[in-house]
Amino acid sequence: MWLPFEVDVLPDPPGSLRYEMFVAERGVEPPASITDVEVYVPPYQFSPHDSNVMSRMSALRVVQSMSAGVDHLLPFVPSGVTLCRGGGIHDASTAELAVALVLASLRGLPDFVRSQDMTQWKPEWTTSLADRKVLIVGYGSVGAAIERRLDGFEVEVTRVARSAREGVHALTELPTLLPEADVVILIVPLTDETRGMVDADFLSHMSEGALLVNMSRGPVVDTDALVAELEGGRLRAALDVTDPEPLPEDHPLWRAPGVLIVPHVGGASSAMWPRAHRLVSDQLARFAKGENLEHVVKGDY
């Protein structure tokens, strides 16, 4: 098994497995053990160079992602190789940032920081999170983690997923749910179904002054349509992800009113590594025992 972190953070390998740390670098030839690799954990910041290395793993059986979304990995995983999502690794980090962005946007923290930079004392009346209606679009493990962190803020949460189940609405119900929401948090995977899902029609159904928070992937949102709504002053947005990424310096989204942008750092916190190590350890134990792996990507991701 090849890991992108020091092997001593994991317990001793189960069964006949052995660990080896390897992170692909340009100009550095992989060791001969590349042909023995059965389980590969690519770096969190996966690159095309990593995909070239993966294509040379003739014994590869499993790829364990360290990210919750795997849209960036899918084109490079060889046929017949099992791909597993990084389920649970980023739940805490992403949920924390989602709530932080909501609070910062509603309470006007960006304006206060700008005033501080100019040593100006400028009190403003802002919107409280209390009494808001929050719509979580994509109610998986991260969506549930967001809801747990919203508990205590005196909000009303509505859950939405691909298909309806008890307590959860279907995506097809969004046209009737969006007008009632003050905050819409996106935490869906990027698939053919969700690419461009938040288009001009979706945004037009959101209520005046509502806040859109994108914690999923940039292409889930039609950027031009969002910029139009922001420039018109009808909606606000808080974005951990954008389309394109990184956002070019001259892109109008930077200058649009009512937007808070952070550079795709939802999972990048101290909470990531302990959870990544636990997941990898558990998956290795399952692999060594011949048990079913968790978070296997199947069908229409």
Protein backbone atom coordinates (compact mmCIF):
# COMPACT_ATOMS: atom_id res chain seq x y z
CA MET A 1 0.00 0.00 0.00
CA TRP A 2 1.27 3.46 -0.92
CA LEU A 3 0.41 6.34 1.41
CA PRO A 4 0.87 10.11 1.02
CA PHE A 5 1.81 10.50 4.71
CA GLU A 6 4.25 9.01 7.21
CA VAL A 7 3.43 5.36 7.84
CA ASP A 8 4.12 5.53 11.59
CA VAL A 9 0.83 7.36 12.18
CA LEU A 10 -0.99 4.08 11.48
CA PRO A 11 -1.00 0.88 13.53
CA ASP A 12 1.09 -2.04 12.29
CA PRO A 13 -0.09 -3.35 8.92
CA PRO A 14 -2.66 -6.15 9.18
CA GLY A 15 -1.93 -9.54 7.63
CA SER A 16 0.73 -9.60 4.94
CA LEU A 17 0.30 -5.96 3.92
CA ARG A 18 3.16 -3.53 4.08
CA TYR A 19 3.05 0.25 4.00
CA GLU A 20 5.25 2.57 2.00
CA MET A 21 5.09 6.35 1.90
CA PHE A 22 5.28 7.82 -1.58
CA VAL A 23 4.27 11.17 -3.03
CA ALA A 24 4.87 11.59 -6.74
CA GLU A 25 7.26 14.36 -7.69
CA ARG A 26 8.18 15.58 -11.13
CA GLY A 27 11.52 14.18 -12.27
CA VAL A 28 11.60 11.56 -9.51
CA GLU A 29 11.32 7.98 -10.72
CA PRO A 30 8.95 5.87 -8.58
CA PRO A 31 10.55 2.93 -6.74
CA ALA A 32 10.37 -0.58 -8.19
CA SER A 33 7.65 -1.42 -5.66
CA ILE A 34 5.17 0.44 -7.85
CA THR A 35 4.33 -2.88 -9.55
CA ASP A 36 3.41 -4.42 -6.16
CA VAL A 37 0.99 -1.69 -5.08
CA GLU A 38 -2.50 -3.07 -4.47
CA VAL A 39 -3.97 -0.18 -2.46
CA TYR A 40 -3.15 3.43 -3.33
CA VAL A 41 -4.05 6.53 -1.34
CA PRO A 42 -3.35 9.52 -3.63
CA PRO A 43 -2.36 12.87 -2.10
CA TYR A 44 -5.17 15.15 -0.99
CA GLN A 45 -4.12 17.63 -3.69
CA PHE A 46 -4.29 15.12 -6.55
CA SER A 47 -2.50 16.16 -9.77
CA PRO A 48 -2.11 14.79 -13.31
CA HIS A 49 1.39 13.66 -12.30
CA ASP A 50 -0.19 11.42 -9.65
CA SER A 51 -2.46 9.94 -12.33
CA ASN A 52 0.58 9.03 -14.45
CA VAL A 53 2.04 7.18 -11.48
CA MET A 54 -1.26 5.38 -10.80
CA SER A 55 -1.45 4.13 -14.40
CA ARG A 56 1.80 2.20 -13.83
CA MET A 57 0.45 0.21 -10.86
CA SER A 58 -0.14 -3.11 -12.59
CA ALA A 59 -1.34 -4.87 -9.40
CA LEU A 60 -3.66 -2.05 -8.29
CA ARG A 61 -6.96 -3.16 -6.75
CA VAL A 62 -8.17 -0.23 -4.62
CA VAL A 63 -7.83 3.57 -4.73
CA GLN A 64 -8.80 5.28 -1.47
CA SER A 65 -9.47 8.98 -1.94
CA MET A 66 -8.80 11.45 0.85
CA SER A 67 -11.45 13.80 -0.49
CA ALA A 68 -15.20 13.49 -0.11
CA GLY A 69 -15.77 14.20 -3.79
CA VAL A 70 -14.10 11.99 -6.39
CA ASP A 71 -15.06 13.72 -9.64
CA HIS A 72 -11.39 14.69 -10.10
CA LEU A 73 -10.27 11.05 -9.68
CA LEU A 74 -12.86 9.16 -11.70
CA PRO A 75 -11.27 9.71 -15.15
CA PHE A 76 -7.93 8.29 -13.98
CA VAL A 77 -8.90 5.18 -12.03
CA PRO A 78 -8.20 2.09 -14.19
CA SER A 79 -11.10 -0.13 -15.17
CA GLY A 80 -11.76 -2.86 -12.62
CA VAL A 81 -10.14 -0.96 -9.76
CA THR A 82 -12.34 -0.14 -6.76
CA LEU A 83 -12.57 3.57 -5.90
CA CYS A 84 -13.55 4.64 -2.37
CA ARG A 85 -14.55 8.13 -1.25
CA GLY A 86 -12.98 9.79 1.76
CA GLY A 87 -16.22 9.42 3.70
CA GLY A 88 -16.13 11.18 7.05
CA ILE A 89 -12.68 12.71 6.59
CA HIS A 90 -13.95 16.22 5.95
CA ASP A 91 -17.33 16.24 7.68
CA ALA A 92 -16.17 18.26 10.69
CA SER A 93 -13.95 20.70 8.77
CA THR A 94 -16.45 21.38 6.00
CA ALA A 95 -19.39 21.72 8.38
CA GLU A 96 -17.47 24.18 10.55
CA LEU A 97 -16.58 26.34 7.58
CA ALA A 98 -20.12 26.24 6.22
CA VAL A 99 -21.51 27.62 9.48
CA ALA A 100 -18.64 30.11 9.74
CA LEU A 101 -19.41 31.45 6.26
CA VAL A 102 -23.10 31.75 7.06
CA LEU A 103 -22.40 33.65 10.28
CA ALA A 104 -19.74 35.86 8.71
CA SER A 105 -21.99 36.77 5.78
CA LEU A 106 -25.15 37.43 7.80
CA ARG A 107 -23.36 39.39 10.54
CA GLY A 108 -21.31 41.45 8.08
CA LEU A 109 -17.85 40.38 9.25
CA PRO A 110 -16.14 41.15 5.89
CA ASP A 111 -17.24 44.80 6.16
CA PHE A 112 -16.06 45.02 9.76
CA VAL A 113 -12.66 43.58 8.80
CA ARG A 114 -12.32 46.13 6.01
CA SER A 115 -13.21 48.89 8.47
CA GLN A 116 -10.59 47.56 10.89
CA ASP A 117 -7.97 47.62 8.12
CA MET A 118 -8.77 51.33 7.68
CA THR A 119 -8.93 51.93 11.48
CA GLN A 120 -12.55 53.03 11.13
CA TRP A 121 -15.28 52.51 13.75
CA LYS A 122 -18.40 51.84 11.66
CA PRO A 123 -21.26 50.08 13.51
CA GLU A 124 -23.82 48.41 11.28
CA TRP A 125 -27.16 46.67 11.81
CA THR A 126 -26.91 43.07 10.53
CA THR A 127 -29.02 39.92 10.12
CA SER A 128 -29.01 37.26 12.83
CA LEU A 129 -28.79 33.57 12.04
CA ALA A 130 -31.47 33.03 14.66
CA ASP A 131 -34.96 32.65 13.17
CA ARG A 132 -33.61 31.99 9.65
CA LYS A 133 -34.82 29.09 7.49
CA VAL A 134 -31.87 27.04 6.26
CA LEU A 135 -32.11 24.70 3.26
CA ILE A 136 -29.36 22.04 3.09
CA VAL A 137 -29.14 20.75 -0.49
CA GLY A 138 -27.26 17.45 -0.42
CA TYR A 139 -28.13 15.71 2.83
CA GLY A 140 -25.35 13.16 3.18
CA SER A 141 -22.86 12.85 6.02
CA VAL A 142 -21.52 16.41 5.57
CA GLY A 143 -25.03 17.82 5.33
CA ALA A 144 -25.94 16.05 8.55
CA ALA A 145 -22.78 17.42 10.19
CA ILE A 146 -23.79 20.93 9.15
CA GLU A 147 -27.21 20.45 10.69
CA ARG A 148 -25.68 19.25 13.97
CA ARG A 149 -23.59 22.40 14.15
CA LEU A 150 -26.62 24.56 13.42
CA ASP A 151 -28.40 23.02 16.40
CA GLY A 152 -28.64 25.73 19.04
CA PHE A 153 -28.74 28.64 16.59
CA GLU A 154 -32.55 28.65 16.67
CA VAL A 155 -32.95 27.97 12.95
CA GLU A 156 -35.41 25.89 10.96
CA VAL A 157 -33.61 23.33 8.79
CA THR A 158 -35.03 21.70 5.66
CA ARG A 159 -33.14 18.74 4.17
CA VAL A 160 -32.87 17.90 0.47
CA ALA A 161 -31.22 14.92 -1.25
CA ARG A 162 -31.31 13.23 -4.66
CA SER A 163 -34.37 11.22 -3.66
CA ALA A 164 -36.93 11.69 -0.91
CA ARG A 165 -36.91 9.71 2.35
CA GLU A 166 -38.37 10.28 5.77
CA GLY A 167 -37.54 13.83 6.83
CA VAL A 168 -35.70 14.57 3.57
CA HIS A 169 -37.12 16.17 0.41
CA ALA A 170 -36.14 15.29 -3.16
CA LEU A 171 -34.20 17.59 -5.48
CA THR A 172 -37.30 17.80 -7.67
CA GLU A 173 -39.05 19.70 -4.87
CA LEU A 174 -36.54 22.58 -4.90
CA PRO A 175 -38.75 25.02 -6.87
CA THR A 176 -41.27 25.02 -4.01
CA LEU A 177 -38.65 24.93 -1.22
CA LEU A 178 -36.27 27.66 -2.41
CA PRO A 179 -38.66 30.64 -2.02
CA GLU A 180 -39.08 29.81 1.69
CA ALA A 181 -35.35 29.65 2.50
CA ASP A 182 -33.19 32.47 3.89
CA VAL A 183 -29.98 30.43 3.55
CA VAL A 184 -29.30 27.74 0.93
CA ILE A 185 -26.25 25.53 1.59
CA LEU A 186 -25.01 23.39 -1.30
CA ILE A 187 -23.15 20.21 -0.38
CA VAL A 188 -23.87 17.92 -3.34
CA PRO A 189 -21.29 15.87 -5.29
CA LEU A 190 -20.41 17.03 -8.79
CA THR A 191 -22.20 14.68 -11.20
CA ASP A 192 -23.89 14.97 -14.58
CA GLU A 193 -27.10 15.63 -12.64
CA THR A 194 -25.73 18.43 -10.46
CA ARG A 195 -23.39 20.17 -12.92
CA GLY A 196 -24.94 23.58 -13.57
CA MET A 197 -27.87 22.71 -11.30
CA VAL A 198 -27.81 26.17 -9.72
CA ASP A 199 -28.63 28.09 -12.87
CA ALA A 200 -30.60 31.28 -13.53
CA ASP A 201 -33.89 29.44 -12.97
CA PHE A 202 -32.74 27.98 -9.63
CA LEU A 203 -31.50 31.39 -8.46
CA SER A 204 -34.72 33.09 -9.56
CA HIS A 205 -36.65 30.86 -7.16
CA MET A 206 -34.57 32.03 -4.19
CA SER A 207 -36.11 34.74 -2.05
CA GLU A 208 -35.00 38.37 -2.05
CA GLY A 209 -31.89 38.81 0.10
CA ALA A 210 -31.27 35.07 0.50
CA LEU A 211 -27.74 33.75 1.01
CA LEU A 212 -26.30 31.01 -1.23
CA VAL A 213 -23.44 29.01 0.35
CA ASN A 214 -21.52 26.69 -1.98
CA MET A 215 -19.51 24.00 -0.16
CA SER A 216 -19.71 21.44 -2.98
CA ARG A 217 -17.95 22.08 -6.31
CA GLY A 218 -17.72 25.24 -8.38
CA PRO A 219 -19.39 23.87 -11.54
CA VAL A 220 -22.55 23.07 -9.56
CA VAL A 221 -23.28 26.80 -9.88
CA ASP A 222 -23.62 28.75 -13.12
CA THR A 223 -21.12 31.50 -12.30
CA ASP A 224 -22.45 34.02 -14.83
CA ALA A 225 -25.99 33.61 -13.52
CA LEU A 226 -24.78 34.08 -9.94
CA VAL A 227 -22.77 37.19 -10.81
CA ALA A 228 -25.87 38.68 -12.45
CA GLU A 229 -27.92 38.12 -9.28
CA LEU A 230 -25.18 39.54 -7.04
CA GLU A 231 -24.67 42.62 -9.19
CA GLY A 232 -28.42 43.19 -9.16
CA GLY A 233 -28.31 43.10 -5.36
CA ARG A 234 -31.07 40.50 -5.06
CA LEU A 235 -28.96 37.69 -3.57
CA ARG A 236 -25.83 37.22 -1.47
CA ALA A 237 -23.28 34.40 -1.62
CA ALA A 238 -20.54 32.75 0.41
CA LEU A 239 -18.33 30.49 -1.68
CA ASP A 240 -15.73 27.93 -0.69
CA VAL A 241 -15.56 26.83 -4.33
CA THR A 242 -15.82 28.67 -7.64
CA ASP A 243 -15.89 27.97 -11.35
CA PRO A 244 -13.19 28.40 -12.54
CA GLU A 245 -10.60 27.58 -9.89
CA PRO A 246 -8.42 29.29 -9.02
CA LEU A 247 -10.51 32.36 -9.74
CA PRO A 248 -8.61 34.69 -12.13
CA GLU A 249 -7.66 38.08 -10.73
CA ASP A 250 -9.83 39.92 -13.27
CA HIS A 251 -12.94 37.77 -12.75
CA PRO A 252 -16.08 39.85 -11.98
CA LEU A 253 -17.03 37.49 -9.13
CA TRP A 254 -14.24 39.01 -7.01
CA ARG A 255 -15.83 42.46 -7.26
CA ALA A 256 -19.49 41.46 -7.07
CA PRO A 257 -21.34 42.97 -4.10
CA GLY A 258 -22.52 40.73 -1.28
CA VAL A 259 -20.08 37.86 -1.89
CA LEU A 260 -17.59 36.25 0.49
CA ILE A 261 -14.99 33.99 -1.18
CA VAL A 262 -12.54 31.58 0.42
CA PRO A 263 -10.09 29.48 -1.68
CA HIS A 264 -11.54 25.93 -1.49
CA VAL A 265 -10.43 25.23 2.06
CA GLY A 266 -13.49 23.40 3.38
CA GLY A 267 -11.51 20.30 4.30
CA ALA A 268 -8.20 21.98 5.06
CA SER A 269 -8.11 22.06 8.85
CA SER A 270 -6.46 20.24 11.73
CA ALA A 271 -9.51 17.97 11.90
CA MET A 272 -8.66 16.32 8.58
CA TRP A 273 -5.62 14.18 9.37
CA PRO A 274 -6.84 12.26 12.44
CA ARG A 275 -9.98 11.31 10.52
CA ALA A 276 -8.01 10.41 7.39
CA HIS A 277 -5.71 8.15 9.39
CA ARG A 278 -8.66 6.43 11.07
CA LEU A 279 -10.44 5.81 7.77
CA VAL A 280 -7.33 4.45 6.05
CA SER A 281 -6.58 2.17 9.01
CA ASP A 282 -10.11 0.81 9.00
CA GLN A 283 -10.13 0.27 5.23
CA LEU A 284 -6.80 -1.56 5.40
CA ALA A 285 -8.09 -3.88 8.09
CA ARG A 286 -11.14 -4.64 5.94
CA PHE A 287 -8.97 -5.20 2.88
CA ALA A 288 -6.63 -7.58 4.75
CA LYS A 289 -9.59 -9.62 6.06
CA GLY A 290 -11.32 -9.74 2.67
CA GLU A 291 -14.27 -7.73 4.00
CA ASN A 292 -16.33 -5.23 2.04
CA LEU A 293 -14.79 -1.77 1.91
CA GLU A 294 -16.75 1.31 2.94
CA HIS A 295 -17.65 4.34 0.80
CA VAL A 296 -17.25 2.44 -2.49
CA VAL A 297 -18.18 4.57 -5.50
CA LYS A 298 -20.76 2.77 -7.60
CA GLY A 299 -22.93 3.51 -10.60
CA ASP A 300 -23.90 7.09 -11.37
CA TYR A 301 -21.71 8.94 -8.91
